[in-house]
Amino acid sequence: MPLTPERLAAGTSLRVTGGERAAALAATWHAALTDVAACVRPLPGSPAGADGGAPTEPLTEPLTAALTEGGPYPGCWLESTGSISTEVLGRFAPGVARDTHLLLARGARDDGLLPYKVTDDGPAHAQIQRVTPLARSVWEQYLRTGSGPGDSGAGNRDTDYLREMYAALAADDAWVAEHRDTRGTGGVEAFCTYDTGHDASPRFWHVPDTCPDGDPACFDAAHPLLPFVAPDLTAEAYARRVHLARAAEDLGEDPRPWRTAASDSLAALDRLWHAGDETWYDRDATGEPVRIRTDVLLRVLACGVGDDALFDRLLRRHLLSTRGFLAPAGFTSVALDDPRFDRDATRNSWGGPVNFLALLRAPRAFEAHGRTAELARALRGAFDALLRADRFPQTLDPWTGDAGYGSGYSPAALFFLDAVERFFGVLELPDGGVLCTGLSAADPGRWPGVESLTYERPTRSGVWAQTVAGDRVAVTRDGSPWLAFPVGWRVELAPSGEVVAVTGVSGRPVAGTLTLPDGTRTDLTLAPNERVAPR
């Protein structure tokens, strides 16, 4: 049975009242569901048994459905579709997210290398092409499958799924360690442009797009600068190993070798740091940094690298700088003040345009450091651009926000669905907790605005509905009043529904009252990103 937008929404609804912006918001949300649903389809090698035989149980229906990239990419890519995209999709269609992971695992070569993509022609292995750690996506999907010791809720987590994915990821890790560290640095090497998916980026000027003869274990030996020790590939290895340690521990295996390996990856990444520029650069075969500021910075941060102090410095110097990466339409793929920056968004390019894959990854960096207020401000331009667009493209013009290359691109549609939940609605976390975020969806001074926005979604802890109207937010649980608080706050809830913390997510201090289910009222004034536990 095809995945329809209605099945994808699965009880989730968005109701918006007001003028033109309200109509555009509702229409774009429904269009995003439609585009994502259209990107779910059978692919060769979709879940069968690990030995190629009968499907393992339990599997979702349809057994052969997986998420595809959409647009000009008719398949599932390891760097995006099967990883960061499934982290959002898992909140709407967890079974499809799970089957997409299994598709990649069962497309591995006999020597352990995972496919960089699976298309109608089957699994492909010509490069390694990875950015977001699949192991993190798998771990979070595993958390969504049920409850473990000490968790609330009923049922057991899907350990068969975790065990199969763990084995595949461990074998892939061994392949990468053997074949992509030819210089013995402990980092992961890029042999070609496509290894990082940075098509048309000046990062790889004069470097071949592909590996010789499609062999991912080989690079052009005549090239004087290859291979590059790559920060984003090395950071992905670090995050992969961190999450494999968690999986190993849950499966009753020793996590310590994975933790040691993760520390080794982090040490290798430290050697790619350029203190003067405060960023990470590729190191070429001569040991010199390739000094081109690209969204490698955001990729590394989205893999969980760096503490709050480092993130704050990089935020000020690079990410929120309008000389750095912050254009009106969002984060650019090359720094705006780099002479090689190219804003042309009409082609598949990571040479300057805003790319929705980078925007989809960005919350993993910002939210980890409690910088939701800045994230909301930075992504607002891209969100508004989709309200004006006639399609879900891969790229945006950084200046105008005009839709660029491609259409029907699932990362762009998933970015929009994620942004609605993250900033104006209800977002269920992998552990069953819930975030209720009450930013205003209005846009004063541009379009006739939004009078009210109601977002409702079922979760493991009940059906939550949040209404943002005027300067107040009201939340119900299973139809009963649960919370009230001012616009500009986020309330974090445990799986039980108990309030864990309240955070200011506006760009300015917001004073107001938090009303709890028992009628208790707490007055607070919260600065941007200030997080407090109510008494």
Protein backbone atom coordinates (compact mmCIF):
# COMPACT_ATOMS: atom_id res chain seq x y z
CA MET A 1 0.00 0.00 0.00
CA PRO A 2 1.53 3.39 -0.98
CA LEU A 3 2.32 5.81 1.79
CA THR A 4 -0.24 8.60 1.48
CA PRO A 5 0.14 12.06 3.05
CA GLU A 6 -2.68 11.10 5.43
CA ARG A 7 -0.86 7.95 6.57
CA LEU A 8 2.37 9.92 6.92
CA ALA A 9 0.66 12.52 9.11
CA ALA A 10 -0.79 9.69 11.24
CA GLY A 11 -3.07 11.87 13.33
CA THR A 12 -0.85 14.95 13.20
CA SER A 13 -2.63 18.12 12.11
CA LEU A 14 -1.90 21.80 11.53
CA ARG A 15 -4.64 24.43 11.69
CA VAL A 16 -3.78 28.05 10.95
CA THR A 17 -6.06 31.08 10.86
CA GLY A 18 -5.31 34.55 9.56
CA GLY A 19 -4.30 36.14 6.28
CA GLU A 20 -2.09 35.20 3.34
CA ARG A 21 0.77 33.90 5.49
CA ALA A 22 -1.58 31.58 7.37
CA ALA A 23 -2.89 30.14 4.11
CA ALA A 24 0.63 29.71 2.74
CA LEU A 25 1.80 28.00 5.94
CA ALA A 26 -1.02 25.46 5.89
CA ALA A 27 -0.64 24.82 2.16
CA THR A 28 3.14 24.35 2.39
CA TRP A 29 2.79 21.95 5.34
CA HIS A 30 0.36 19.77 3.37
CA ALA A 31 2.59 19.98 0.29
CA ALA A 32 5.58 18.84 2.39
CA LEU A 33 3.66 15.77 3.54
CA THR A 34 2.70 15.04 -0.05
CA ASP A 35 6.27 15.34 -1.33
CA VAL A 36 7.75 13.19 1.44
CA ALA A 37 5.11 10.51 0.92
CA ALA A 38 5.87 10.51 -2.82
CA CYS A 39 9.55 9.85 -2.00
CA VAL A 40 8.74 6.60 -0.17
CA ARG A 41 8.80 3.66 -2.58
CA PRO A 42 10.28 0.21 -3.14
CA LEU A 43 13.97 -0.13 -3.95
CA PRO A 44 15.95 -3.28 -4.87
CA GLY A 45 17.25 -5.00 -1.79
CA SER A 46 14.69 -3.48 0.55
CA PRO A 47 14.40 -5.44 3.76
CA ALA A 48 14.85 -9.15 3.35
CA GLY A 49 16.65 -11.48 5.70
CA ALA A 50 20.25 -10.76 6.54
CA ASP A 51 21.20 -13.74 4.36
CA GLY A 52 19.03 -12.53 1.49
CA GLY A 53 16.22 -14.88 2.43
CA ALA A 54 12.85 -14.26 4.07
CA PRO A 55 12.25 -10.95 5.85
CA THR A 56 13.04 -10.83 9.53
CA GLU A 57 10.16 -10.13 11.88
CA PRO A 58 8.66 -7.82 12.74
CA LEU A 59 8.84 -5.58 9.69
CA THR A 60 6.58 -2.72 8.75
CA GLU A 61 4.16 -2.69 5.86
CA PRO A 62 5.05 -2.32 3.06
CA LEU A 63 8.15 -4.45 3.54
CA THR A 64 9.93 -2.91 0.57
CA ALA A 65 9.33 0.79 1.27
CA ALA A 66 12.25 3.13 1.83
CA LEU A 67 12.76 6.87 1.76
CA THR A 68 14.39 8.25 -1.39
CA GLU A 69 16.10 11.60 -1.86
CA GLY A 70 13.65 12.79 -4.49
CA GLY A 71 14.08 15.41 -7.17
CA PRO A 72 17.01 14.57 -9.45
CA TYR A 73 18.19 11.81 -7.08
CA PRO A 74 16.08 8.66 -7.59
CA GLY A 75 17.49 6.65 -4.73
CA CYS A 76 18.52 6.50 -1.08
CA TRP A 77 21.81 8.16 -0.12
CA LEU A 78 23.82 7.20 2.96
CA GLU A 79 24.95 10.81 3.58
CA SER A 80 21.43 12.18 3.77
CA THR A 81 18.36 10.08 2.98
CA GLY A 82 19.27 7.18 5.21
CA SER A 83 20.67 9.27 8.06
CA ILE A 84 19.67 12.88 8.81
CA SER A 85 16.43 12.62 6.81
CA THR A 86 15.33 9.51 8.69
CA GLU A 87 15.95 11.29 12.00
CA VAL A 88 13.06 13.59 11.08
CA LEU A 89 11.02 10.98 9.21
CA GLY A 90 11.17 8.71 12.27
CA ARG A 91 8.81 11.08 14.09
CA PHE A 92 6.18 10.58 11.38
CA ALA A 93 6.83 7.13 9.87
CA PRO A 94 9.18 5.17 12.15
CA GLY A 95 8.66 1.96 10.21
CA VAL A 96 9.85 3.53 6.97
CA ALA A 97 12.86 5.03 8.75
CA ARG A 98 13.72 1.59 10.12
CA ASP A 99 13.36 -0.11 6.75
CA THR A 100 15.51 2.57 5.11
CA HIS A 101 18.32 1.75 7.56
CA LEU A 102 17.94 -1.96 6.89
CA LEU A 103 18.06 -1.29 3.14
CA LEU A 104 21.51 0.25 3.52
CA ALA A 105 22.75 -2.46 5.89
CA ARG A 106 21.66 -5.24 3.57
CA GLY A 107 23.30 -3.51 0.62
CA ALA A 108 26.76 -3.83 2.19
CA ARG A 109 29.51 -5.55 0.20
CA ASP A 110 31.00 -8.81 1.40
CA ASP A 111 33.98 -6.87 2.75
CA GLY A 112 31.69 -4.74 4.94
CA LEU A 113 31.52 -1.42 3.04
CA LEU A 114 28.05 0.10 3.16
CA PRO A 115 26.63 1.45 -0.11
CA TYR A 116 26.81 5.19 -0.56
CA LYS A 117 23.46 4.91 -2.31
CA VAL A 118 20.80 2.41 -3.34
CA THR A 119 18.86 3.07 -6.55
CA ASP A 120 16.72 1.01 -8.91
CA ASP A 121 20.02 -0.47 -10.13
CA GLY A 122 20.77 -1.74 -6.62
CA PRO A 123 23.49 -0.81 -4.09
CA ALA A 124 26.45 1.29 -5.29
CA HIS A 125 29.88 1.49 -3.66
CA ALA A 126 32.00 3.77 -5.88
CA GLN A 127 32.72 6.21 -3.03
CA ILE A 128 32.06 6.41 0.72
CA GLN A 129 29.98 9.66 0.69
CA ARG A 130 28.93 10.16 4.30
CA VAL A 131 28.28 13.20 6.51
CA THR A 132 25.68 12.41 9.19
CA PRO A 133 26.54 9.29 11.23
CA LEU A 134 24.10 6.52 10.37
CA ALA A 135 24.88 4.99 13.77
CA ARG A 136 23.25 7.98 15.50
CA SER A 137 20.17 7.70 13.30
CA VAL A 138 19.95 3.99 14.12
CA TRP A 139 20.38 4.59 17.85
CA GLU A 140 17.60 7.17 17.92
CA GLN A 141 15.34 4.95 15.86
CA TYR A 142 16.01 2.15 18.33
CA LEU A 143 14.99 4.42 21.21
CA ARG A 144 11.71 5.13 19.41
CA THR A 145 10.81 1.45 19.02
CA GLY A 146 9.68 0.90 22.58
CA SER A 147 10.96 1.19 26.11
CA GLY A 148 14.02 -0.06 27.83
CA PRO A 149 14.87 -0.56 31.49
CA GLY A 150 13.76 2.40 33.56
CA ASP A 151 11.77 3.97 30.74
CA SER A 152 8.12 4.79 30.84
CA GLY A 153 5.70 3.22 28.39
CA ALA A 154 5.03 -0.33 27.39
CA GLY A 155 6.77 -2.80 25.12
CA ASN A 156 10.37 -3.70 24.45
CA ARG A 157 12.88 -2.09 22.17
CA ASP A 158 13.69 -3.78 18.87
CA THR A 159 16.98 -5.43 19.74
CA ASP A 160 16.93 -7.60 16.59
CA TYR A 161 16.99 -4.42 14.49
CA LEU A 162 19.76 -2.89 16.61
CA ARG A 163 21.85 -6.06 16.50
CA GLU A 164 21.64 -6.30 12.70
CA MET A 165 22.46 -2.61 12.22
CA TYR A 166 25.27 -2.77 14.78
CA ALA A 167 26.93 -5.66 12.93
CA ALA A 168 26.70 -3.84 9.60
CA LEU A 169 28.00 -0.56 11.03
CA ALA A 170 30.88 -2.28 12.82
CA ALA A 171 31.95 -4.01 9.61
CA ASP A 172 31.73 -0.73 7.71
CA ASP A 173 33.81 1.01 10.38
CA ALA A 174 36.50 -1.64 9.99
CA TRP A 175 36.55 -1.15 6.20
CA VAL A 176 36.94 2.62 6.50
CA ALA A 177 39.70 2.27 9.11
CA GLU A 178 41.61 -0.13 6.86
CA HIS A 179 41.25 1.69 3.55
CA ARG A 180 40.82 5.39 4.35
CA ASP A 181 43.76 6.14 6.62
CA THR A 182 46.66 5.58 4.24
CA ARG A 183 48.80 8.21 6.00
CA GLY A 184 48.26 6.79 9.48
CA THR A 185 46.85 9.99 10.98
CA GLY A 186 43.83 8.34 12.59
CA GLY A 187 41.57 10.54 10.46
CA VAL A 188 39.39 9.56 7.51
CA GLU A 189 40.61 10.49 4.06
CA ALA A 190 38.70 11.87 1.09
CA PHE A 191 39.88 10.36 -2.17
CA CYS A 192 37.53 12.36 -4.41
CA THR A 193 34.94 15.14 -4.40
CA TYR A 194 31.97 12.81 -4.12
CA ASP A 195 33.27 11.22 -0.91
CA THR A 196 31.83 14.19 0.99
CA GLY A 197 29.00 15.08 -1.41
CA HIS A 198 30.51 18.54 -1.86
CA ASP A 199 29.73 18.79 -5.56
CA ALA A 200 31.04 21.95 -7.26
CA SER A 201 32.74 23.14 -4.09
CA PRO A 202 36.06 25.03 -4.38
CA ARG A 203 37.18 22.78 -1.54
CA PHE A 204 37.82 20.18 -4.26
CA TRP A 205 38.97 22.30 -7.18
CA HIS A 206 41.36 20.25 -9.36
CA VAL A 207 40.45 17.06 -7.47
CA PRO A 208 38.72 14.19 -9.35
CA ASP A 209 35.00 13.81 -8.72
CA THR A 210 35.23 10.01 -8.44
CA CYS A 211 37.64 7.28 -7.41
CA PRO A 212 39.59 5.58 -10.23
CA ASP A 213 37.51 2.84 -11.89
CA GLY A 214 34.86 3.29 -9.22
CA ASP A 215 37.07 1.62 -6.59
CA PRO A 216 36.55 3.35 -3.22
CA ALA A 217 39.83 1.92 -1.93
CA CYS A 218 41.84 3.82 -4.57
CA PHE A 219 42.73 7.44 -5.32
CA ASP A 220 44.59 9.05 -8.18
CA ALA A 221 48.15 8.25 -7.17
CA ALA A 222 49.51 10.78 -9.68
CA HIS A 223 47.71 13.66 -7.96
CA PRO A 224 50.24 15.57 -5.85
CA LEU A 225 47.77 16.62 -3.14
CA LEU A 226 45.67 13.49 -2.60
CA PRO A 227 44.43 12.13 -0.31
CA PHE A 228 42.91 14.82 1.91
CA VAL A 229 42.44 14.05 5.60
CA ALA A 230 38.87 15.36 5.85
CA PRO A 231 37.36 16.98 8.96
CA ASP A 232 33.76 16.08 8.12
CA LEU A 233 34.60 12.43 7.39
CA THR A 234 36.69 12.24 10.56
CA ALA A 235 33.94 13.85 12.66
CA GLU A 236 31.43 11.38 11.22
CA ALA A 237 33.71 8.53 12.32
CA TYR A 238 33.93 10.03 15.81
CA ALA A 239 30.14 10.28 16.14
CA ARG A 240 29.64 6.84 14.60
CA ARG A 241 31.91 5.29 17.22
CA VAL A 242 30.27 7.18 20.10
CA HIS A 243 26.90 5.72 19.11
CA LEU A 244 28.30 2.26 18.39
CA ALA A 245 29.58 2.28 21.98
CA ARG A 246 26.03 2.96 23.18
CA ALA A 247 24.65 0.19 21.01
CA ALA A 248 27.31 -2.25 22.16
CA GLU A 249 26.54 -1.55 25.80
CA ASP A 250 22.81 -2.05 25.25
CA LEU A 251 23.49 -5.33 23.43
CA GLY A 252 25.66 -6.60 26.30
CA GLU A 253 28.99 -6.11 24.54
CA ASP A 254 32.05 -4.20 25.71
CA PRO A 255 31.73 -0.52 24.69
CA ARG A 256 35.26 0.42 25.68
CA PRO A 257 36.97 -0.34 22.33
CA TRP A 258 34.48 1.95 20.59
CA ARG A 259 35.08 4.72 23.11
CA THR A 260 38.83 4.41 22.59
CA ALA A 261 38.36 4.51 18.83
CA ALA A 262 36.13 7.59 19.16
CA SER A 263 38.85 9.31 21.20
CA ASP A 264 41.35 8.47 18.48
CA SER A 265 39.09 10.06 15.86
CA LEU A 266 38.70 13.17 18.00
CA ALA A 267 42.47 13.43 18.40
CA ALA A 268 42.89 13.18 14.62
CA LEU A 269 40.28 15.89 14.16
CA ASP A 270 42.15 18.17 16.57
CA ARG A 271 45.13 18.00 14.20
CA LEU A 272 42.93 19.45 11.43
CA TRP A 273 42.10 22.55 13.48
CA HIS A 274 43.48 25.89 12.30
CA ALA A 275 43.86 28.10 15.38
CA GLY A 276 44.25 31.35 13.46
CA ASP A 277 41.07 30.90 11.42
CA GLU A 278 39.27 28.99 14.18
CA THR A 279 37.92 26.27 11.94
CA TRP A 280 38.75 22.82 10.61
CA TYR A 281 40.41 22.35 7.20
CA ASP A 282 41.34 19.38 5.04
CA ARG A 283 45.02 18.52 5.16
CA ASP A 284 46.43 17.62 1.78
CA ALA A 285 49.18 15.08 1.10
CA THR A 286 51.87 17.67 1.81
CA GLY A 287 50.37 18.34 5.24
CA GLU A 288 49.13 21.81 4.30
CA PRO A 289 45.61 22.99 5.19
CA VAL A 290 43.18 23.55 2.32
CA ARG A 291 42.14 27.00 3.54
CA ILE A 292 38.65 27.35 2.12
CA ARG A 293 35.90 28.03 4.65
CA THR A 294 32.97 25.79 3.80
CA ASP A 295 30.07 24.25 5.68
CA VAL A 296 32.53 21.60 6.84
CA LEU A 297 32.42 23.68 10.03
CA LEU A 298 28.71 23.07 10.53
CA ARG A 299 29.08 19.40 9.58
CA VAL A 300 31.71 18.84 12.26
CA LEU A 301 29.65 20.64 14.91
CA ALA A 302 26.54 18.64 13.96
CA CYS A 303 28.48 15.46 14.78
CA GLY A 304 28.71 16.50 18.43
CA VAL A 305 32.23 17.90 18.38
CA GLY A 306 33.19 20.79 20.69
CA ASP A 307 32.02 22.21 24.01
CA ASP A 308 29.73 25.19 24.64
CA ALA A 309 32.59 27.68 24.83
CA LEU A 310 33.98 26.64 21.46
CA PHE A 311 30.53 26.68 19.88
CA ASP A 312 29.91 30.19 21.17
CA ARG A 313 33.14 31.45 19.58
CA LEU A 314 32.39 29.76 16.25
CA LEU A 315 28.84 31.08 16.35
CA ARG A 316 30.03 34.67 16.65
CA ARG A 317 32.95 34.44 14.25
CA HIS A 318 31.47 32.27 11.50
CA LEU A 319 27.92 30.95 11.68
CA LEU A 320 26.03 34.13 12.59
CA SER A 321 28.38 36.46 10.77
CA THR A 322 27.02 38.05 7.60
CA ARG A 323 30.62 38.04 6.36
CA GLY A 324 30.76 34.35 7.22
CA PHE A 325 27.89 31.96 6.58
CA LEU A 326 24.65 33.78 7.45
CA ALA A 327 22.88 35.03 4.34
CA PRO A 328 19.25 36.26 4.26
CA ALA A 329 18.10 32.79 3.17
CA GLY A 330 20.15 30.81 5.70
CA PHE A 331 23.60 29.24 5.98
CA THR A 332 25.68 29.30 2.81
CA SER A 333 27.87 26.41 1.71
CA VAL A 334 30.97 28.61 1.29
CA ALA A 335 31.74 31.67 3.42
CA LEU A 336 30.30 34.83 1.93
CA ASP A 337 33.60 36.70 2.10
CA ASP A 338 35.58 33.95 0.38
CA PRO A 339 36.55 35.14 -3.15
CA ARG A 340 35.44 31.76 -4.50
CA PHE A 341 31.89 32.13 -3.15
CA ASP A 342 29.35 31.58 -5.96
CA ARG A 343 25.68 32.30 -5.21
CA ASP A 344 24.38 30.51 -8.36
CA ALA A 345 21.62 28.24 -7.02
CA THR A 346 20.39 27.01 -10.41
CA ARG A 347 22.64 23.94 -10.38
CA ASN A 348 23.72 21.22 -7.98
CA SER A 349 26.31 23.28 -6.14
CA TRP A 350 27.97 23.42 -2.75
CA GLY A 351 30.03 26.35 -3.97
CA GLY A 352 27.95 29.01 -2.23
CA PRO A 353 24.15 28.51 -2.38
CA VAL A 354 22.05 27.66 0.65
CA ASN A 355 21.54 23.87 0.61
CA PHE A 356 18.61 22.36 2.49
CA LEU A 357 20.69 19.41 3.61
CA ALA A 358 22.91 21.78 5.59
CA LEU A 359 19.84 23.43 7.12
CA LEU A 360 18.38 20.03 8.02
CA ARG A 361 21.62 19.16 9.85
CA ALA A 362 21.97 22.51 11.61
CA PRO A 363 19.67 21.80 14.60
CA ARG A 364 21.97 18.95 15.67
CA ALA A 365 24.70 21.54 16.28
CA PHE A 366 22.66 24.40 17.74
CA GLU A 367 20.28 22.44 19.99
CA ALA A 368 23.14 20.47 21.54
CA HIS A 369 24.56 23.75 22.86
CA GLY A 370 21.25 25.29 23.89
CA ARG A 371 21.22 27.92 21.14
CA THR A 372 17.64 27.54 19.93
CA ALA A 373 17.02 31.29 19.77
CA GLU A 374 19.85 31.81 17.29
CA LEU A 375 18.82 28.73 15.31
CA ALA A 376 15.28 30.04 14.91
CA ARG A 377 16.56 33.38 13.67
CA ALA A 378 19.04 31.81 11.24
CA LEU A 379 16.51 29.41 9.70
CA ARG A 380 13.61 31.85 9.45
CA GLY A 381 14.68 33.08 6.01
CA ALA A 382 14.70 29.58 4.51
CA PHE A 383 11.37 28.74 6.17
CA ASP A 384 9.79 31.87 4.68
CA ALA A 385 11.36 31.11 1.31
CA LEU A 386 9.48 27.81 1.17
CA LEU A 387 6.21 29.62 1.89
CA ARG A 388 6.81 31.63 -1.30
CA ALA A 389 8.23 28.80 -3.42
CA ASP A 390 6.32 26.65 -5.88
CA ARG A 391 8.34 23.53 -5.02
CA PHE A 392 10.78 21.96 -2.55
CA PRO A 393 14.23 22.56 -4.10
CA GLN A 394 17.71 21.44 -3.11
CA THR A 395 19.11 24.99 -3.07
CA LEU A 396 18.09 28.58 -2.44
CA ASP A 397 19.56 31.80 -3.74
CA PRO A 398 21.31 33.10 -0.61
CA TRP A 399 20.31 36.72 -1.28
CA THR A 400 16.66 36.41 -2.35
CA GLY A 401 15.59 32.97 -1.13
CA ASP A 402 14.37 32.13 -4.62
CA ALA A 403 14.02 28.39 -5.21
CA GLY A 404 17.00 26.99 -7.07
CA TYR A 405 18.01 23.57 -8.33
CA GLY A 406 15.61 20.64 -8.24
CA SER A 407 12.10 19.95 -7.02
CA GLY A 408 10.36 17.30 -4.96
CA TYR A 409 13.51 17.13 -2.81
CA SER A 410 12.71 15.26 0.40
CA PRO A 411 15.32 17.00 2.65
CA ALA A 412 13.67 20.37 1.88
CA ALA A 413 10.19 19.03 2.67
CA LEU A 414 11.48 17.38 5.86
CA PHE A 415 13.20 20.63 6.84
CA PHE A 416 9.82 22.36 6.71
CA LEU A 417 8.04 19.64 8.72
CA ASP A 418 10.83 19.73 11.30
CA ALA A 419 10.78 23.54 11.56
CA VAL A 420 7.02 23.61 12.22
CA GLU A 421 7.43 21.16 15.11
CA ARG A 422 10.69 22.66 16.40
CA PHE A 423 9.58 26.30 16.53
CA PHE A 424 5.76 26.46 16.51
CA GLY A 425 4.51 23.08 17.66
CA VAL A 426 5.08 19.79 19.44
CA LEU A 427 8.21 17.69 18.86
CA GLU A 428 8.59 14.20 20.33
CA LEU A 429 12.14 13.26 21.31
CA PRO A 430 13.56 9.75 20.75
CA ASP A 431 13.29 8.95 24.46
CA GLY A 432 9.58 9.88 24.53
CA GLY A 433 10.00 13.36 25.95
CA VAL A 434 8.17 16.26 24.33
CA LEU A 435 9.17 19.81 23.41
CA CYS A 436 6.43 22.46 23.21
CA THR A 437 7.88 25.55 21.55
CA GLY A 438 5.87 28.72 21.28
CA LEU A 439 7.47 31.06 18.78
CA SER A 440 5.14 33.24 16.75
CA ALA A 441 4.50 32.16 13.17
CA ALA A 442 3.50 35.72 12.28
CA ASP A 443 5.76 37.89 10.15
CA PRO A 444 4.96 41.54 10.94
CA GLY A 445 5.39 43.97 8.10
CA ARG A 446 5.46 41.49 5.24
CA TRP A 447 2.25 39.50 4.72
CA PRO A 448 -1.13 39.63 6.44
CA GLY A 449 -0.21 37.52 9.41
CA VAL A 450 -1.16 34.47 11.44
CA GLU A 451 -3.87 34.90 14.06
CA SER A 452 -3.55 31.42 15.55
CA LEU A 453 -1.63 28.22 14.88
CA THR A 454 -2.70 24.89 16.37
CA TYR A 455 -0.43 21.87 16.01
CA GLU A 456 -1.59 18.47 17.22
CA ARG A 457 0.31 15.21 17.22
CA PRO A 458 0.03 11.77 18.84
CA THR A 459 3.02 10.62 20.89
CA ARG A 460 3.83 7.71 23.18
CA SER A 461 2.66 9.84 26.12
CA GLY A 462 -0.66 10.91 24.60
CA VAL A 463 -2.08 13.30 22.06
CA TRP A 464 -0.61 16.76 22.50
CA ALA A 465 -2.07 19.90 20.97
CA GLN A 466 -0.54 23.36 21.14
CA THR A 467 -2.18 26.63 20.13
CA VAL A 468 -0.17 29.82 19.65
CA ALA A 469 -2.44 32.87 19.52
CA GLY A 470 -1.48 36.45 20.25
CA ASP A 471 1.15 36.44 22.96
CA ARG A 472 0.00 33.23 24.68
CA VAL A 473 0.48 29.48 24.18
CA ALA A 474 -1.98 26.84 25.41
CA VAL A 475 -1.19 23.11 25.47
CA THR A 476 -3.58 20.20 25.97
CA ARG A 477 -2.90 16.53 26.60
CA ASP A 478 -5.55 14.07 25.40
CA GLY A 479 -7.97 16.98 25.19
CA SER A 480 -7.42 18.27 28.73
CA PRO A 481 -5.67 21.57 29.55
CA TRP A 482 -2.07 20.92 30.49
CA LEU A 483 0.11 24.02 30.15
CA ALA A 484 -0.04 27.71 29.39
CA PHE A 485 2.91 30.04 28.86
CA PRO A 486 3.90 33.13 26.86
CA VAL A 487 5.05 33.21 23.25
CA GLY A 488 8.85 33.07 23.23
CA TRP A 489 9.27 30.11 25.58
CA ARG A 490 9.87 26.40 25.14
CA VAL A 491 8.66 23.88 27.73
CA GLU A 492 10.44 20.52 27.98
CA LEU A 493 8.32 17.61 29.19
CA ALA A 494 9.40 14.19 30.42
CA PRO A 495 7.70 11.12 28.89
CA SER A 496 5.39 11.25 31.93
CA GLY A 497 4.26 14.76 30.94
CA GLU A 498 6.01 16.39 33.91
CA VAL A 499 7.71 19.71 33.19
CA VAL A 500 11.49 19.32 33.13
CA ALA A 501 12.59 22.82 32.17
CA VAL A 502 11.53 26.06 30.54
CA THR A 503 13.76 27.90 28.05
CA GLY A 504 13.64 31.33 26.47
CA VAL A 505 13.75 30.90 22.69
CA SER A 506 12.99 34.44 21.57
CA GLY A 507 15.68 36.90 20.54
CA ARG A 508 14.80 39.08 23.54
CA PRO A 509 13.93 38.50 27.22
CA VAL A 510 10.33 37.36 27.72
CA ALA A 511 8.45 37.69 31.01
CA GLY A 512 5.34 35.69 31.75
CA THR A 513 3.60 32.99 33.73
CA LEU A 514 3.85 29.21 33.39
CA THR A 515 0.59 27.50 34.37
CA LEU A 516 0.86 23.79 35.21
CA PRO A 517 -1.85 21.08 35.04
CA ASP A 518 -2.67 21.43 38.75
CA GLY A 519 -3.13 25.19 38.38
CA THR A 520 0.24 26.10 39.89
CA ARG A 521 1.51 29.37 38.44
CA THR A 522 5.17 30.37 38.22
CA ASP A 523 6.31 33.82 37.10
CA LEU A 524 9.56 33.93 35.14
CA THR A 525 11.62 36.26 32.99
CA LEU A 526 13.75 34.29 30.56
CA ALA A 527 16.58 35.70 28.47
CA PRO A 528 17.38 34.10 25.09
CA ASN A 529 18.43 30.48 25.66
CA GLU A 530 18.09 30.81 29.46
CA ARG A 531 16.92 27.44 30.80
CA VAL A 532 15.42 26.95 34.25
CA ALA A 533 13.72 24.11 36.09
CA PRO A 534 10.46 25.41 37.60
CA ARG A 535 10.02 24.84 41.32
